PDB file of N, CA and C in Angstrom:
ATOM      1  N   MET A   1     -18.004  45.448  49.515  1.00  0.00           N
ATOM      2  CA  MET A   1     -17.999  46.900  49.555  1.00  0.00           C
ATOM      3  C   MET A   1     -18.029  47.404  50.994  1.00  0.00           C
ATOM      4  N   LYS A   2     -18.849  46.726  51.811  1.00  0.00           N
ATOM      5  CA  LYS A   2     -18.980  47.127  53.211  1.00  0.00           C
ATOM      6  C   LYS A   2     -17.651  46.948  53.956  1.00  0.00           C
ATOM      7  N   LYS A   3     -16.927  45.860  53.643  1.00  0.00           N
ATOM      8  CA  LYS A   3     -15.637  45.601  54.296  1.00  0.00           C
ATOM      9  C   LYS A   3     -14.606  46.664  53.929  1.00  0.00           C
ATOM     10  N   ILE A   4     -14.626  47.102  52.684  1.00  0.00           N
ATOM     11  CA  ILE A   4     -13.698  48.151  52.245  1.00  0.00           C
ATOM     12  C   ILE A   4     -13.988  49.453  52.971  1.00  0.00           C
ATOM     13  N   LEU A   5     -15.252  49.802  53.098  1.00  0.00           N
ATOM     14  CA  LEU A   5     -15.651  51.023  53.797  1.00  0.00           C
ATOM     15  C   LEU A   5     -15.238  50.969  55.267  1.00  0.00           C
ATOM     16  N   ILE A   6     -15.451  49.845  55.907  1.00  0.00           N
ATOM     17  CA  ILE A   6     -15.047  49.681  57.317  1.00  0.00           C
ATOM     18  C   ILE A   6     -13.530  49.791  57.430  1.00  0.00           C
ATOM     19  N   GLY A   7     -12.811  49.185  56.502  1.00  0.00           N
ATOM     20  CA  GLY A   7     -11.350  49.271  56.505  1.00  0.00           C
ATOM     21  C   GLY A   7     -10.858  50.695  56.322  1.00  0.00           C
ATOM     22  N   LEU A   8     -11.486  51.455  55.428  1.00  0.00           N
ATOM     23  CA  LEU A   8     -11.092  52.853  55.212  1.00  0.00           C
ATOM     24  C   LEU A   8     -11.384  53.709  56.439  1.00  0.00           C
ATOM     25  N   VAL A   9     -12.514  53.489  57.078  1.00  0.00           N
ATOM     26  CA  VAL A   9     -12.851  54.236  58.297  1.00  0.00           C
ATOM     27  C   VAL A   9     -11.843  53.921  59.395  1.00  0.00           C
ATOM     28  N   ALA A  10     -11.491  52.643  59.556  1.00  0.00           N
ATOM     29  CA  ALA A  10     -10.500  52.253  60.570  1.00  0.00           C
ATOM     30  C   ALA A  10      -9.147  52.884  60.271  1.00  0.00           C
ATOM     31  N   LEU A  11      -8.753  52.879  59.009  1.00  0.00           N
ATOM     32  CA  LEU A  11      -7.481  53.494  58.618  1.00  0.00           C
ATOM     33  C   LEU A  11      -7.491  54.996  58.904  1.00  0.00           C
ATOM     34  N   LEU A  12      -8.595  55.642  58.602  1.00  0.00           N
ATOM     35  CA  LEU A  12      -8.732  57.075  58.872  1.00  0.00           C
ATOM     36  C   LEU A  12      -8.609  57.372  60.359  1.00  0.00           C
ATOM     37  N   LEU A  13      -9.239  56.555  61.189  1.00  0.00           N
ATOM     38  CA  LEU A  13      -9.147  56.742  62.644  1.00  0.00           C
ATOM     39  C   LEU A  13      -7.716  56.570  63.146  1.00  0.00           C
ATOM     40  N   VAL A  14      -6.997  55.600  62.598  1.00  0.00           N
ATOM     41  CA  VAL A  14      -5.605  55.374  62.991  1.00  0.00           C
ATOM     42  C   VAL A  14      -4.734  56.567  62.590  1.00  0.00           C
ATOM     43  N   VAL A  15      -4.925  57.075  61.380  1.00  0.00           N
ATOM     44  CA  VAL A  15      -4.138  58.220  60.898  1.00  0.00           C
ATOM     45  C   VAL A  15      -4.429  59.462  61.726  1.00  0.00           C
ATOM     46  N   VAL A  16      -5.698  59.755  61.954  1.00  0.00           N
ATOM     47  CA  VAL A  16      -6.066  60.939  62.743  1.00  0.00           C
ATOM     48  C   VAL A  16      -5.568  60.801  64.174  1.00  0.00           C
ATOM     49  N   GLY A  17      -5.731  59.628  64.758  1.00  0.00           N
ATOM     50  CA  GLY A  17      -5.239  59.396  66.121  1.00  0.00           C
ATOM     51  C   GLY A  17      -3.728  59.541  66.214  1.00  0.00           C
ATOM     52  N   GLY A  18      -3.032  59.012  65.221  1.00  0.00           N
ATOM     53  CA  GLY A  18      -1.572  59.133  65.196  1.00  0.00           C
ATOM     54  C   GLY A  18      -1.123  60.573  65.050  1.00  0.00           C
ATOM     55  N   ALA A  19      -1.806  61.321  64.189  1.00  0.00           N
ATOM     56  CA  ALA A  19      -1.460  62.741  64.003  1.00  0.00           C
ATOM     57  C   ALA A  19      -1.701  63.529  65.287  1.00  0.00           C
ATOM     58  N   TYR A  20      -2.804  63.273  65.958  1.00  0.00           N
ATOM     59  CA  TYR A  20      -3.104  63.958  67.219  1.00  0.00           C
ATOM     60  C   TYR A  20      -2.050  63.632  68.267  1.00  0.00           C
ATOM     61  N   THR A  21      -1.700  62.367  68.370  1.00  0.00           N
ATOM     62  CA  THR A  21      -0.694  61.951  69.350  1.00  0.00           C
ATOM     63  C   THR A  21       0.652  62.597  69.050  1.00  0.00           C
ATOM     64  N   TRP A  22       1.068  62.592  67.777  1.00  0.00           N
ATOM     65  CA  TRP A  22       2.335  63.216  67.404  1.00  0.00           C
ATOM     66  C   TRP A  22       2.323  64.702  67.755  1.00  0.00           C
ATOM     67  N   TYR A  23       1.242  65.400  67.426  1.00  0.00           N
ATOM     68  CA  TYR A  23       1.155  66.828  67.713  1.00  0.00           C
ATOM     69  C   TYR A  23       1.222  67.076  69.215  1.00  0.00           C
ATOM     70  N   HIS A  24       0.494  66.294  69.991  1.00  0.00           N
ATOM     71  CA  HIS A  24       0.482  66.488  71.442  1.00  0.00           C
ATOM     72  C   HIS A  24       1.868  66.234  72.047  1.00  0.00           C
ATOM     73  N   ILE A  25       2.548  65.202  71.588  1.00  0.00           N
ATOM     74  CA  ILE A  25       3.885  64.893  72.094  1.00  0.00           C
ATOM     75  C   ILE A  25       4.872  65.985  71.687  1.00  0.00           C
ATOM     76  N   SER A  26       4.759  66.485  70.468  1.00  0.00           N
ATOM     77  CA  SER A  26       5.715  67.460  69.954  1.00  0.00           C
ATOM     78  C   SER A  26       5.463  68.884  70.430  1.00  0.00           C
ATOM     79  N   TYR A  27       4.208  69.287  70.532  1.00  0.00           N
ATOM     80  CA  TYR A  27       3.918  70.689  70.808  1.00  0.00           C
ATOM     81  C   TYR A  27       3.048  70.932  72.032  1.00  0.00           C
ATOM     82  N   GLY A  28       2.425  69.917  72.554  1.00  0.00           N
ATOM     83  CA  GLY A  28       1.586  70.087  73.735  1.00  0.00           C
ATOM     84  C   GLY A  28       2.448  70.149  74.977  1.00  0.00           C
ATOM     85  N   GLY A  29       1.841  70.315  76.113  1.00  0.00           N
ATOM     86  CA  GLY A  29       2.590  70.321  77.356  1.00  0.00           C
ATOM     87  C   GLY A  29       1.826  71.006  78.465  1.00  0.00           C
ATOM     88  N   GLU A  30       2.522  71.254  79.551  1.00  0.00           N
ATOM     89  CA  GLU A  30       1.956  71.917  80.722  1.00  0.00           C
ATOM     90  C   GLU A  30       1.987  73.422  80.534  1.00  0.00           C
ATOM     91  N   ASN A  31       0.978  74.104  81.063  1.00  0.00           N
ATOM     92  CA  ASN A  31       0.960  75.563  81.035  1.00  0.00           C
ATOM     93  C   ASN A  31       1.531  76.109  82.337  1.00  0.00           C
ATOM     94  N   TYR A  32       2.377  77.107  82.202  1.00  0.00           N
ATOM     95  CA  TYR A  32       2.975  77.803  83.343  1.00  0.00           C
ATOM     96  C   TYR A  32       2.687  79.287  83.178  1.00  0.00           C
ATOM     97  N   TYR A  33       2.728  80.011  84.298  1.00  0.00           N
ATOM     98  CA  TYR A  33       2.408  81.435  84.295  1.00  0.00           C
ATOM     99  C   TYR A  33       3.521  82.202  84.985  1.00  0.00           C
ATOM    100  N   MET A  34       3.797  83.400  84.466  1.00  0.00           N
ATOM    101  CA  MET A  34       4.822  84.263  85.062  1.00  0.00           C
ATOM    102  C   MET A  34       4.505  85.709  84.735  1.00  0.00           C
ATOM    103  N   GLN A  35       5.200  86.609  85.429  1.00  0.00           N
ATOM    104  CA  GLN A  35       5.068  88.039  85.154  1.00  0.00           C
ATOM    105  C   GLN A  35       6.430  88.566  84.745  1.00  0.00           C
ATOM    106  N   VAL A  36       6.463  89.345  83.684  1.00  0.00           N
ATOM    107  CA  VAL A  36       7.712  89.933  83.199  1.00  0.00           C
ATOM    108  C   VAL A  36       8.075  91.093  84.120  1.00  0.00           C
ATOM    109  N   THR A  37       9.262  91.033  84.717  1.00  0.00           N
ATOM    110  CA  THR A  37       9.695  92.089  85.632  1.00  0.00           C
ATOM    111  C   THR A  37      10.992  92.755  85.191  1.00  0.00           C
ATOM    112  N   GLN A  38      11.652  92.180  84.200  1.00  0.00           N
ATOM    113  CA  GLN A  38      12.911  92.771  83.740  1.00  0.00           C
ATOM    114  C   GLN A  38      13.101  92.508  82.255  1.00  0.00           C
ATOM    115  N   ASP A  39      14.024  93.226  81.664  1.00  0.00           N
ATOM    116  CA  ASP A  39      14.327  93.044  80.255  1.00  0.00           C
ATOM    117  C   ASP A  39      15.015  91.706  80.036  1.00  0.00           C
ATOM    118  N   GLY A  40      14.838  91.167  78.839  1.00  0.00           N
ATOM    119  CA  GLY A  40      15.549  89.961  78.469  1.00  0.00           C
ATOM    120  C   GLY A  40      16.992  90.287  78.126  1.00  0.00           C
ATOM    121  N   GLU A  41      17.834  89.261  78.167  1.00  0.00           N
ATOM    122  CA  GLU A  41      19.240  89.450  77.817  1.00  0.00           C
ATOM    123  C   GLU A  41      19.364  89.415  76.299  1.00  0.00           C
ATOM    124  N   LYS A  42      19.991  90.463  75.724  1.00  0.00           N
ATOM    125  CA  LYS A  42      20.156  90.536  74.272  1.00  0.00           C
ATOM    126  C   LYS A  42      21.116  89.462  73.793  1.00  0.00           C
ATOM    127  N   VAL A  43      20.696  88.753  72.758  1.00  0.00           N
ATOM    128  CA  VAL A  43      21.539  87.734  72.128  1.00  0.00           C
ATOM    129  C   VAL A  43      21.540  88.018  70.635  1.00  0.00           C
ATOM    130  N   LYS A  44      22.711  88.393  70.111  1.00  0.00           N
ATOM    131  CA  LYS A  44      22.829  88.684  68.675  1.00  0.00           C
ATOM    132  C   LYS A  44      23.274  87.424  67.953  1.00  0.00           C
ATOM    133  N   SER A  45      22.609  87.151  66.839  1.00  0.00           N
ATOM    134  CA  SER A  45      22.911  85.960  66.035  1.00  0.00           C
ATOM    135  C   SER A  45      22.824  86.308  64.563  1.00  0.00           C
ATOM    136  N   LYS A  46      23.187  85.343  63.726  1.00  0.00           N
ATOM    137  CA  LYS A  46      23.058  85.495  62.275  1.00  0.00           C
ATOM    138  C   LYS A  46      22.280  84.309  61.742  1.00  0.00           C
ATOM    139  N   ASP A  47      21.436  84.569  60.739  1.00  0.00           N
ATOM    140  CA  ASP A  47      20.696  83.480  60.114  1.00  0.00           C
ATOM    141  C   ASP A  47      21.564  82.808  59.051  1.00  0.00           C
ATOM    142  N   ASP A  48      21.014  81.847  58.347  1.00  0.00           N
ATOM    143  CA  ASP A  48      21.783  81.082  57.350  1.00  0.00           C
ATOM    144  C   ASP A  48      22.333  81.942  56.221  1.00  0.00           C
ATOM    145  N   SER A  49      21.650  83.058  55.934  1.00  0.00           N
ATOM    146  CA  SER A  49      22.125  83.927  54.855  1.00  0.00           C
ATOM    147  C   SER A  49      23.127  84.968  55.350  1.00  0.00           C
ATOM    148  N   GLY A  50      23.421  84.975  56.639  1.00  0.00           N
ATOM    149  CA  GLY A  50      24.394  85.909  57.193  1.00  0.00           C
ATOM    150  C   GLY A  50      23.792  87.191  57.741  1.00  0.00           C
ATOM    151  N   LYS A  51      22.480  87.328  57.690  1.00  0.00           N
ATOM    152  CA  LYS A  51      21.809  88.528  58.187  1.00  0.00           C
ATOM    153  C   LYS A  51      21.732  88.484  59.718  1.00  0.00           C
ATOM    154  N   SER A  52      22.111  89.590  60.362  1.00  0.00           N
ATOM    155  CA  SER A  52      22.104  89.671  61.818  1.00  0.00           C
ATOM    156  C   SER A  52      20.700  89.914  62.353  1.00  0.00           C
ATOM    157  N   TYR A  53      20.416  89.345  63.518  1.00  0.00           N
ATOM    158  CA  TYR A  53      19.162  89.611  64.215  1.00  0.00           C
ATOM    159  C   TYR A  53      19.407  89.510  65.710  1.00  0.00           C
ATOM    160  N   THR A  54      18.490  90.059  66.490  1.00  0.00           N
ATOM    161  CA  THR A  54      18.606  90.072  67.945  1.00  0.00           C
ATOM    162  C   THR A  54      17.418  89.355  68.554  1.00  0.00           C
ATOM    163  N   ASP A  55      17.697  88.430  69.458  1.00  0.00           N
ATOM    164  CA  ASP A  55      16.675  87.791  70.274  1.00  0.00           C
ATOM    165  C   ASP A  55      16.872  88.254  71.709  1.00  0.00           C
ATOM    166  N   TYR A  56      15.852  88.082  72.507  1.00  0.00           N
ATOM    167  CA  TYR A  56      15.917  88.429  73.927  1.00  0.00           C
ATOM    168  C   TYR A  56      15.651  87.159  74.719  1.00  0.00           C
ATOM    169  N   GLU A  57      16.618  86.780  75.533  1.00  0.00           N
ATOM    170  CA  GLU A  57      16.546  85.533  76.288  1.00  0.00           C
ATOM    171  C   GLU A  57      16.074  85.812  77.711  1.00  0.00           C
ATOM    172  N   TYR A  58      15.108  85.021  78.142  1.00  0.00           N
ATOM    173  CA  TYR A  58      14.551  85.147  79.488  1.00  0.00           C
ATOM    174  C   TYR A  58      14.801  83.862  80.260  1.00  0.00           C
ATOM    175  N   LYS A  59      15.275  84.006  81.480  1.00  0.00           N
ATOM    176  CA  LYS A  59      15.444  82.888  82.416  1.00  0.00           C
ATOM    177  C   LYS A  59      14.612  83.265  83.629  1.00  0.00           C
ATOM    178  N   THR A  60      13.596  82.467  83.901  1.00  0.00           N
ATOM    179  CA  THR A  60      12.625  82.862  84.906  1.00  0.00           C
ATOM    180  C   THR A  60      12.061  81.663  85.653  1.00  0.00           C
ATOM    181  N   VAL A  61      11.347  81.947  86.714  1.00  0.00           N
ATOM    182  CA  VAL A  61      10.569  80.942  87.429  1.00  0.00           C
ATOM    183  C   VAL A  61       9.118  81.174  87.060  1.00  0.00           C
ATOM    184  N   ALA A  62       8.445  80.105  86.667  1.00  0.00           N
ATOM    185  CA  ALA A  62       7.029  80.187  86.306  1.00  0.00           C
ATOM    186  C   ALA A  62       6.274  79.148  87.135  1.00  0.00           C
ATOM    187  N   TYR A  63       4.952  79.303  87.203  1.00  0.00           N
ATOM    188  CA  TYR A  63       4.142  78.470  88.090  1.00  0.00           C
ATOM    189  C   TYR A  63       2.999  77.797  87.350  1.00  0.00           C
ATOM    190  N   GLN A  64       2.777  76.513  87.685  1.00  0.00           N
ATOM    191  CA  GLN A  64       1.644  75.777  87.153  1.00  0.00           C
ATOM    192  C   GLN A  64       0.356  76.283  87.804  1.00  0.00           C
ATOM    193  N   LYS A  65      -0.755  75.800  87.308  1.00  0.00           N
ATOM    194  CA  LYS A  65      -2.075  76.141  87.845  1.00  0.00           C
ATOM    195  C   LYS A  65      -2.154  75.865  89.353  1.00  0.00           C
ATOM    196  N   ALA A  66      -1.525  74.774  89.787  1.00  0.00           N
ATOM    197  CA  ALA A  66      -1.554  74.384  91.195  1.00  0.00           C
ATOM    198  C   ALA A  66      -0.500  75.115  92.034  1.00  0.00           C
ATOM    199  N   GLY A  67       0.350  75.930  91.399  1.00  0.00           N
ATOM    200  CA  GLY A  67       1.347  76.697  92.134  1.00  0.00           C
ATOM    201  C   GLY A  67       2.734  76.093  92.159  1.00  0.00           C
ATOM    202  N   LYS A  68       2.931  74.957  91.501  1.00  0.00           N
ATOM    203  CA  LYS A  68       4.250  74.317  91.458  1.00  0.00           C
ATOM    204  C   LYS A  68       5.183  75.131  90.567  1.00  0.00           C
ATOM    205  N   ALA A  69       6.404  75.403  91.079  1.00  0.00           N
ATOM    206  CA  ALA A  69       7.372  76.251  90.363  1.00  0.00           C
ATOM    207  C   ALA A  69       8.254  75.434  89.430  1.00  0.00           C
ATOM    208  N   LYS A  70       8.712  76.085  88.355  1.00  0.00           N
ATOM    209  CA  LYS A  70       9.665  75.479  87.415  1.00  0.00           C
ATOM    210  C   LYS A  70      10.519  76.593  86.822  1.00  0.00           C
ATOM    211  N   HIS A  71      11.825  76.336  86.713  1.00  0.00           N
ATOM    212  CA  HIS A  71      12.734  77.280  86.061  1.00  0.00           C
ATOM    213  C   HIS A  71      12.633  77.066  84.556  1.00  0.00           C
ATOM    214  N   LEU A  72      12.345  78.135  83.830  1.00  0.00           N
ATOM    215  CA  LEU A  72      12.172  78.039  82.384  1.00  0.00           C
ATOM    216  C   LEU A  72      13.062  79.046  81.670  1.00  0.00           C
ATOM    217  N   ASP A  73      13.555  78.659  80.506  1.00  0.00           N
ATOM    218  CA  ASP A  73      14.327  79.533  79.627  1.00  0.00           C
ATOM    219  C   ASP A  73      13.580  79.619  78.298  1.00  0.00           C
ATOM    220  N   PHE A  74      13.417  80.832  77.780  1.00  0.00           N
ATOM    221  CA  PHE A  74      12.790  81.004  76.472  1.00  0.00           C
ATOM    222  C   PHE A  74      13.272  82.288  75.846  1.00  0.00           C
ATOM    223  N   THR A  75      13.025  82.431  74.544  1.00  0.00           N
ATOM    224  CA  THR A  75      13.449  83.627  73.832  1.00  0.00           C
ATOM    225  C   THR A  75      12.254  84.319  73.190  1.00  0.00           C
ATOM    226  N   ALA A  76      12.442  85.598  72.931  1.00  0.00           N
ATOM    227  CA  ALA A  76      11.438  86.407  72.242  1.00  0.00           C
ATOM    228  C   ALA A  76      12.172  87.244  71.202  1.00  0.00           C
ATOM    229  N   THR A  77      11.448  87.661  70.181  1.00  0.00           N
ATOM    230  CA  THR A  77      12.058  88.470  69.133  1.00  0.00           C
ATOM    231  C   THR A  77      12.118  89.941  69.509  1.00  0.00           C
ATOM    232  N   HIS A  78      11.465  90.306  70.608  1.00  0.00           N
ATOM    233  CA  HIS A  78      11.469  91.684  71.093  1.00  0.00           C
ATOM    234  C   HIS A  78      11.479  91.651  72.618  1.00  0.00           C
ATOM    235  N   ASN A  79      11.839  92.764  73.211  1.00  0.00           N
ATOM    236  CA  ASN A  79      11.814  92.868  74.663  1.00  0.00           C
ATOM    237  C   ASN A  79      10.358  92.875  75.107  1.00  0.00           C
ATOM    238  N   LEU A  80      10.016  92.060  76.078  1.00  0.00           N
ATOM    239  CA  LEU A  80       8.626  91.946  76.508  1.00  0.00           C
ATOM    240  C   LEU A  80       8.247  93.085  77.450  1.00  0.00           C
ATOM    241  N   ARG A  81       6.969  93.411  77.429  1.00  0.00           N
ATOM    242  CA  ARG A  81       6.431  94.512  78.226  1.00  0.00           C
ATOM    243  C   ARG A  81       6.525  94.172  79.718  1.00  0.00           C
ATOM    244  N   HIS A  82       7.101  95.093  80.487  1.00  0.00           N
ATOM    245  CA  HIS A  82       7.193  94.896  81.937  1.00  0.00           C
ATOM    246  C   HIS A  82       5.796  94.820  82.540  1.00  0.00           C
ATOM    247  N   GLN A  83       5.637  93.992  83.561  1.00  0.00           N
ATOM    248  CA  GLN A  83       4.395  93.747  84.296  1.00  0.00           C
ATOM    249  C   GLN A  83       3.390  92.915  83.510  1.00  0.00           C
ATOM    250  N   ALA A  84       3.733  92.474  82.305  1.00  0.00           N
ATOM    251  CA  ALA A  84       2.838  91.621  81.520  1.00  0.00           C
ATOM    252  C   ALA A  84       2.825  90.218  82.121  1.00  0.00           C
ATOM    253  N   TYR A  85       1.667  89.580  82.088  1.00  0.00           N
ATOM    254  CA  TYR A  85       1.541  88.191  82.519  1.00  0.00           C
ATOM    255  C   TYR A  85       1.616  87.302  81.285  1.00  0.00           C
ATOM    256  N   LEU A  86       2.370  86.205  81.397  1.00  0.00           N
ATOM    257  CA  LEU A  86       2.534  85.285  80.276  1.00  0.00           C
ATOM    258  C   LEU A  86       2.040  83.897  80.651  1.00  0.00           C
ATOM    259  N   GLU A  87       1.427  83.232  79.670  1.00  0.00           N
ATOM    260  CA  GLU A  87       1.120  81.810  79.773  1.00  0.00           C
ATOM    261  C   GLU A  87       2.122  81.108  78.862  1.00  0.00           C
ATOM    262  N   ILE A  88       2.896  80.209  79.438  1.00  0.00           N
ATOM    263  CA  ILE A  88       3.981  79.535  78.733  1.00  0.00           C
ATOM    264  C   ILE A  88       3.654  78.052  78.629  1.00  0.00           C
ATOM    265  N   THR A  89       3.787  77.486  77.438  1.00  0.00           N
ATOM    266  CA  THR A  89       3.596  76.048  77.256  1.00  0.00           C
ATOM    267  C   THR A  89       4.967  75.390  77.271  1.00  0.00           C
ATOM    268  N   TYR A  90       5.134  74.442  78.210  1.00  0.00           N
ATOM    269  CA  TYR A  90       6.401  73.739  78.366  1.00  0.00           C
ATOM    270  C   TYR A  90       6.205  72.272  78.000  1.00  0.00           C
ATOM    271  N   ASN A  91       7.054  71.783  77.089  1.00  0.00           N
ATOM    272  CA  ASN A  91       7.026  70.402  76.641  1.00  0.00           C
ATOM    273  C   ASN A  91       8.264  69.708  77.200  1.00  0.00           C
ATOM    274  N   ASN A  92       8.102  68.525  77.798  1.00  0.00           N
ATOM    275  CA  ASN A  92       9.232  67.816  78.409  1.00  0.00           C
ATOM    276  C   ASN A  92      10.343  67.490  77.423  1.00  0.00           C
ATOM    277  N   ARG A  93      10.017  67.302  76.152  1.00  0.00           N
ATOM    278  CA  ARG A  93      11.026  66.974  75.150  1.00  0.00           C
ATOM    279  C   ARG A  93      11.680  68.208  74.543  1.00  0.00           C
ATOM    280  N   LYS A  94      10.888  69.256  74.296  1.00  0.00           N
ATOM    281  CA  LYS A  94      11.380  70.407  73.542  1.00  0.00           C
ATOM    282  C   LYS A  94      11.557  71.668  74.367  1.00  0.00           C
ATOM    283  N   GLY A  95      11.181  71.651  75.622  1.00  0.00           N
ATOM    284  CA  GLY A  95      11.268  72.862  76.437  1.00  0.00           C
ATOM    285  C   GLY A  95      10.073  73.760  76.161  1.00  0.00           C
ATOM    286  N   VAL A  96      10.286  75.060  76.181  1.00  0.00           N
ATOM    287  CA  VAL A  96       9.208  76.016  75.934  1.00  0.00           C
ATOM    288  C   VAL A  96       8.876  75.997  74.450  1.00  0.00           C
ATOM    289  N   THR A  97       7.622  75.686  74.131  1.00  0.00           N
ATOM    290  CA  THR A  97       7.203  75.635  72.729  1.00  0.00           C
ATOM    291  C   THR A  97       6.412  76.868  72.331  1.00  0.00           C
ATOM    292  N   SER A  98       5.824  77.571  73.307  1.00  0.00           N
ATOM    293  CA  SER A  98       5.089  78.789  72.981  1.00  0.00           C
ATOM    294  C   SER A  98       4.847  79.606  74.242  1.00  0.00           C
ATOM    295  N   TRP A  99       4.562  80.873  74.034  1.00  0.00           N
ATOM    296  CA  TRP A  99       4.155  81.749  75.121  1.00  0.00           C
ATOM    297  C   TRP A  99       3.244  82.809  74.546  1.00  0.00           C
ATOM    298  N   GLU A 100       2.362  83.330  75.395  1.00  0.00           N
ATOM    299  CA  GLU A 100       1.494  84.419  74.972  1.00  0.00           C
ATOM    300  C   GLU A 100       1.130  85.266  76.188  1.00  0.00           C
ATOM    301  N   GLU A 101       0.920  86.543  75.937  1.00  0.00           N
ATOM    302  CA  GLU A 101       0.517  87.451  77.008  1.00  0.00           C
ATOM    303  C   GLU A 101      -0.954  87.206  77.328  1.00  0.00           C
ATOM    304  N   VAL A 102      -1.264  87.159  78.628  1.00  0.00           N
ATOM    305  CA  VAL A 102      -2.643  86.974  79.085  1.00  0.00           C
ATOM    306  C   VAL A 102      -2.987  88.065  80.094  1.00  0.00           C
ATOM    307  N   LYS A 103      -4.259  88.231  80.338  1.00  0.00           N
ATOM    308  CA  LYS A 103      -4.701  89.193  81.344  1.00  0.00           C
ATOM    309  C   LYS A 103      -4.486  88.609  82.732  1.00  0.00           C
ATOM    310  N   LYS A 104      -4.325  89.468  83.713  1.00  0.00           N
ATOM    311  CA  LYS A 104      -4.124  89.030  85.087  1.00  0.00           C
ATOM    312  C   LYS A 104      -5.282  88.138  85.539  1.00  0.00           C
ATOM    313  N   ALA A 105      -6.498  88.453  85.103  1.00  0.00           N
ATOM    314  CA  ALA A 105      -7.682  87.673  85.483  1.00  0.00           C
ATOM    315  C   ALA A 105      -7.637  86.249  84.928  1.00  0.00           C
ATOM    316  N   ASP A 106      -6.836  86.016  83.891  1.00  0.00           N
ATOM    317  CA  ASP A 106      -6.732  84.684  83.285  1.00  0.00           C
ATOM    318  C   ASP A 106      -5.700  83.793  83.964  1.00  0.00           C
ATOM    319  N   VAL A 107      -4.926  84.346  84.894  1.00  0.00           N
ATOM    320  CA  VAL A 107      -3.914  83.572  85.611  1.00  0.00           C
ATOM    321  C   VAL A 107      -4.602  82.848  86.770  1.00  0.00           C
ATOM    322  N   PRO A 108      -4.432  81.520  86.892  1.00  0.00           N
ATOM    323  CA  PRO A 108      -5.061  80.780  87.991  1.00  0.00           C
ATOM    324  C   PRO A 108      -4.649  81.334  89.359  1.00  0.00           C
ATOM    325  N   GLU A 109      -5.561  81.234  90.320  1.00  0.00           N
ATOM    326  CA  GLU A 109      -5.364  81.846  91.643  1.00  0.00           C
ATOM    327  C   GLU A 109      -4.072  81.430  92.330  1.00  0.00           C
ATOM    328  N   LYS A 110      -3.790  80.131  92.373  1.00  0.00           N
ATOM    329  CA  LYS A 110      -2.593  79.661  93.088  1.00  0.00           C
ATOM    330  C   LYS A 110      -1.316  80.153  92.409  1.00  0.00           C
ATOM    331  N   ALA A 111      -1.300  80.150  91.089  1.00  0.00           N
ATOM    332  CA  ALA A 111      -0.131  80.647  90.363  1.00  0.00           C
ATOM    333  C   ALA A 111       0.018  82.143  90.592  1.00  0.00           C
ATOM    334  N   LEU A 112      -1.087  82.885  90.574  1.00  0.00           N
ATOM    335  CA  LEU A 112      -1.048  84.330  90.795  1.00  0.00           C
ATOM    336  C   LEU A 112      -0.543  84.660  92.196  1.00  0.00           C
ATOM    337  N   ALA A 113      -0.956  83.875  93.189  1.00  0.00           N
ATOM    338  CA  ALA A 113      -0.480  84.095  94.559  1.00  0.00           C
ATOM    339  C   ALA A 113       1.030  83.915  94.636  1.00  0.00           C
ATOM    340  N   LYS A 114       1.561  82.911  93.962  1.00  0.00           N
ATOM    341  CA  LYS A 114       3.016  82.681  93.964  1.00  0.00           C
ATOM    342  C   LYS A 114       3.748  83.808  93.230  1.00  0.00           C
ATOM    343  N   ILE A 115       3.189  84.247  92.109  1.00  0.00           N
ATOM    344  CA  ILE A 115       3.796  85.346  91.344  1.00  0.00           C
ATOM    345  C   ILE A 115       3.809  86.614  92.172  1.00  0.00           C
ATOM    346  N   THR A 116       2.695  86.908  92.838  1.00  0.00           N
ATOM    347  CA  THR A 116       2.588  88.111  93.658  1.00  0.00           C
ATOM    348  C   THR A 116       3.565  88.070  94.819  1.00  0.00           C
ATOM    349  N   ALA A 117       3.736  86.899  95.438  1.00  0.00           N
ATOM    350  CA  ALA A 117       4.682  86.760  96.544  1.00  0.00           C
ATOM    351  C   ALA A 117       6.118  86.936  96.055  1.00  0.00           C
ATOM    352  N   GLN A 118       6.392  86.509  94.835  1.00  0.00           N
ATOM    353  CA  GLN A 118       7.729  86.625  94.259  1.00  0.00           C
ATOM    354  C   GLN A 118       8.022  88.071  93.833  1.00  0.00           C
ATOM    355  N   ASN A 119       7.010  88.796  93.355  1.00  0.00           N
ATOM    356  CA  ASN A 119       7.168  90.160  92.861  1.00  0.00           C
ATOM    357  C   ASN A 119       6.236  91.112  93.613  1.00  0.00           C
ATOM    358  N   PRO A 120       6.553  91.423  94.862  1.00  0.00           N
ATOM    359  CA  PRO A 120       5.637  92.279  95.644  1.00  0.00           C
ATOM    360  C   PRO A 120       5.503  93.684  95.109  1.00  0.00           C
TER     361      PRO A 120
END
């Protein structure tokens, strides 16, 4: 009975570890910061049922916590608010996996200095 319990615990650890690793590889990544200074480019598309929708494509330079720059492309379903600060998650395999608006105080100092120098 004890061997079965140990085997089940080991199996559970392998499954949980594998799921965490898969999630991190698929959706995790480095955080970058940027400030929205212009409208996104309108891109009209159709879904599988033929219904039209509009996305807004952004091509920008964003900065890591340490201030290292990276050119990033991402889309939004609406035009983003000018002067808003964004935290963008970039995955080496999938590109930008998520973004969210953050307060200026939440942007790391070195990244904020680079953003400010870029957008005086």
